[in-house]
């Protein structure tokens, strides 16, 4: 399924970070998209490097 964003461009199939607006709430209510929290960014620790 392809879903258009409010600006008429296509939403990436893997999803995108977007502001949740009334437009996206309507798409969610219609079953076109699933709104989920962003995955937590992995923090990198460089232990042991000089």
N, C-alpha and C. Protein backbone atom coordinates (compact mmCIF):
# COMPACT_ATOMS: atom_id res chain seq x y z
N UNK A 1 0.84 -1.17 0.00
CA UNK A 1 0.00 0.00 0.00
C UNK A 1 0.89 1.24 0.00
N UNK A 2 0.53 2.22 -0.78
CA UNK A 2 1.25 3.49 -0.79
C UNK A 2 0.37 4.54 -0.13
N UNK A 3 0.96 5.32 0.75
CA UNK A 3 0.22 6.35 1.48
C UNK A 3 0.85 7.69 1.15
N UNK A 4 0.03 8.64 0.81
CA UNK A 4 0.51 9.99 0.51
C UNK A 4 0.56 10.84 1.77
N UNK A 5 1.60 11.65 1.84
CA UNK A 5 1.72 12.62 2.92
C UNK A 5 0.86 13.84 2.56
N UNK A 6 0.71 14.75 3.50
CA UNK A 6 -0.12 15.93 3.28
C UNK A 6 0.38 16.77 2.10
N UNK A 7 1.68 16.71 1.80
CA UNK A 7 2.24 17.48 0.68
C UNK A 7 2.18 16.72 -0.65
N UNK A 8 1.49 15.59 -0.67
CA UNK A 8 1.27 14.73 -1.84
C UNK A 8 2.45 13.82 -2.19
N UNK A 9 3.57 13.91 -1.46
CA UNK A 9 4.66 12.96 -1.69
C UNK A 9 4.30 11.65 -0.99
N UNK A 10 5.00 10.57 -1.34
CA UNK A 10 4.69 9.26 -0.78
C UNK A 10 5.45 9.02 0.52
N UNK A 11 4.78 8.40 1.46
CA UNK A 11 5.39 7.98 2.71
C UNK A 11 6.30 6.80 2.41
N UNK A 12 7.50 6.79 2.97
CA UNK A 12 8.44 5.69 2.77
C UNK A 12 7.82 4.40 3.32
N UNK A 13 7.97 3.27 2.58
CA UNK A 13 7.38 2.01 3.05
C UNK A 13 7.86 1.59 4.44
N UNK A 14 9.11 1.91 4.79
CA UNK A 14 9.62 1.53 6.10
C UNK A 14 9.22 2.51 7.19
N UNK A 15 8.57 3.61 6.80
CA UNK A 15 8.12 4.61 7.76
C UNK A 15 9.05 5.80 7.80
N UNK A 16 8.60 6.86 8.41
CA UNK A 16 9.37 8.09 8.53
C UNK A 16 9.03 8.76 9.85
N UNK A 17 9.95 9.58 10.32
CA UNK A 17 9.69 10.40 11.50
C UNK A 17 8.97 11.66 11.03
N UNK A 18 7.74 11.83 11.45
CA UNK A 18 6.93 12.98 11.05
C UNK A 18 6.20 13.53 12.26
N UNK A 19 5.81 14.79 12.17
CA UNK A 19 4.97 15.37 13.22
C UNK A 19 3.59 14.74 13.13
N UNK A 20 3.03 14.40 14.29
CA UNK A 20 1.69 13.82 14.32
C UNK A 20 0.70 14.99 14.28
N UNK A 21 -0.02 15.07 13.17
CA UNK A 21 -1.00 16.13 12.98
C UNK A 21 -2.38 15.49 12.80
N UNK A 22 -3.38 16.34 12.65
CA UNK A 22 -4.74 15.84 12.40
C UNK A 22 -4.77 14.99 11.14
N UNK A 23 -3.97 15.35 10.14
CA UNK A 23 -3.90 14.58 8.90
C UNK A 23 -3.51 13.13 9.20
N UNK A 24 -2.46 12.94 10.01
CA UNK A 24 -1.98 11.58 10.32
C UNK A 24 -2.93 10.86 11.25
N UNK A 25 -3.59 11.57 12.14
CA UNK A 25 -4.61 10.92 13.00
C UNK A 25 -5.76 10.38 12.15
N UNK A 26 -6.16 11.14 11.11
CA UNK A 26 -7.21 10.64 10.21
C UNK A 26 -6.74 9.40 9.46
N UNK A 27 -5.49 9.41 8.97
CA UNK A 27 -4.95 8.24 8.26
C UNK A 27 -4.91 7.04 9.20
N UNK A 28 -4.56 7.27 10.46
CA UNK A 28 -4.52 6.18 11.44
C UNK A 28 -5.93 5.64 11.69
N UNK A 29 -6.89 6.53 11.87
CA UNK A 29 -8.28 6.12 12.11
C UNK A 29 -8.85 5.33 10.94
N UNK A 30 -8.40 5.64 9.72
CA UNK A 30 -8.87 4.93 8.53
C UNK A 30 -8.09 3.63 8.29
N UNK A 31 -7.07 3.36 9.12
CA UNK A 31 -6.30 2.13 9.00
C UNK A 31 -5.20 2.17 7.96
N UNK A 32 -4.88 3.38 7.46
CA UNK A 32 -3.85 3.52 6.44
C UNK A 32 -2.44 3.48 7.00
N UNK A 33 -2.26 3.94 8.22
CA UNK A 33 -0.93 3.98 8.86
C UNK A 33 -1.05 3.56 10.31
N UNK A 34 0.08 3.25 10.90
CA UNK A 34 0.17 2.99 12.32
C UNK A 34 1.15 3.99 12.90
N UNK A 35 0.72 4.75 13.87
CA UNK A 35 1.59 5.73 14.52
C UNK A 35 2.24 5.04 15.70
N UNK A 36 3.56 5.09 15.73
CA UNK A 36 4.30 4.44 16.82
C UNK A 36 5.40 5.38 17.28
N UNK A 37 5.88 5.19 18.51
CA UNK A 37 6.98 6.02 19.00
C UNK A 37 8.25 5.72 18.21
N UNK A 38 9.12 6.70 18.15
CA UNK A 38 10.40 6.50 17.48
C UNK A 38 11.23 5.49 18.24
N UNK A 39 11.98 4.65 17.54
CA UNK A 39 12.87 3.73 18.25
C UNK A 39 13.96 4.53 18.96
N UNK A 40 14.37 4.03 20.08
CA UNK A 40 15.41 4.72 20.84
C UNK A 40 16.72 4.63 20.08
N UNK A 41 17.42 5.75 20.04
CA UNK A 41 18.70 5.78 19.34
C UNK A 41 19.72 4.97 20.15
N UNK A 42 20.50 4.20 19.45
CA UNK A 42 21.54 3.43 20.11
C UNK A 42 22.70 4.36 20.44
N UNK A 43 23.17 4.27 21.65
CA UNK A 43 24.31 5.09 22.03
C UNK A 43 25.57 4.25 21.87
N UNK A 44 26.57 4.88 21.37
CA UNK A 44 27.82 4.17 21.13
C UNK A 44 28.84 4.60 22.16
N UNK A 45 29.46 3.63 22.77
CA UNK A 45 30.53 3.92 23.73
C UNK A 45 31.83 3.40 23.16
N UNK A 46 32.81 4.23 23.18
CA UNK A 46 34.13 3.88 22.64
C UNK A 46 35.10 3.56 23.77
N UNK A 47 34.80 2.57 24.53
CA UNK A 47 35.68 2.20 25.64
C UNK A 47 36.90 1.49 25.12
N UNK A 48 38.02 1.79 25.68
CA UNK A 48 39.24 1.10 25.34
C UNK A 48 39.99 1.68 24.14
N UNK A 49 39.46 2.72 23.53
CA UNK A 49 40.16 3.33 22.39
C UNK A 49 41.03 4.47 22.88
N UNK A 50 42.16 4.64 22.23
CA UNK A 50 43.09 5.70 22.62
C UNK A 50 42.79 7.00 21.95
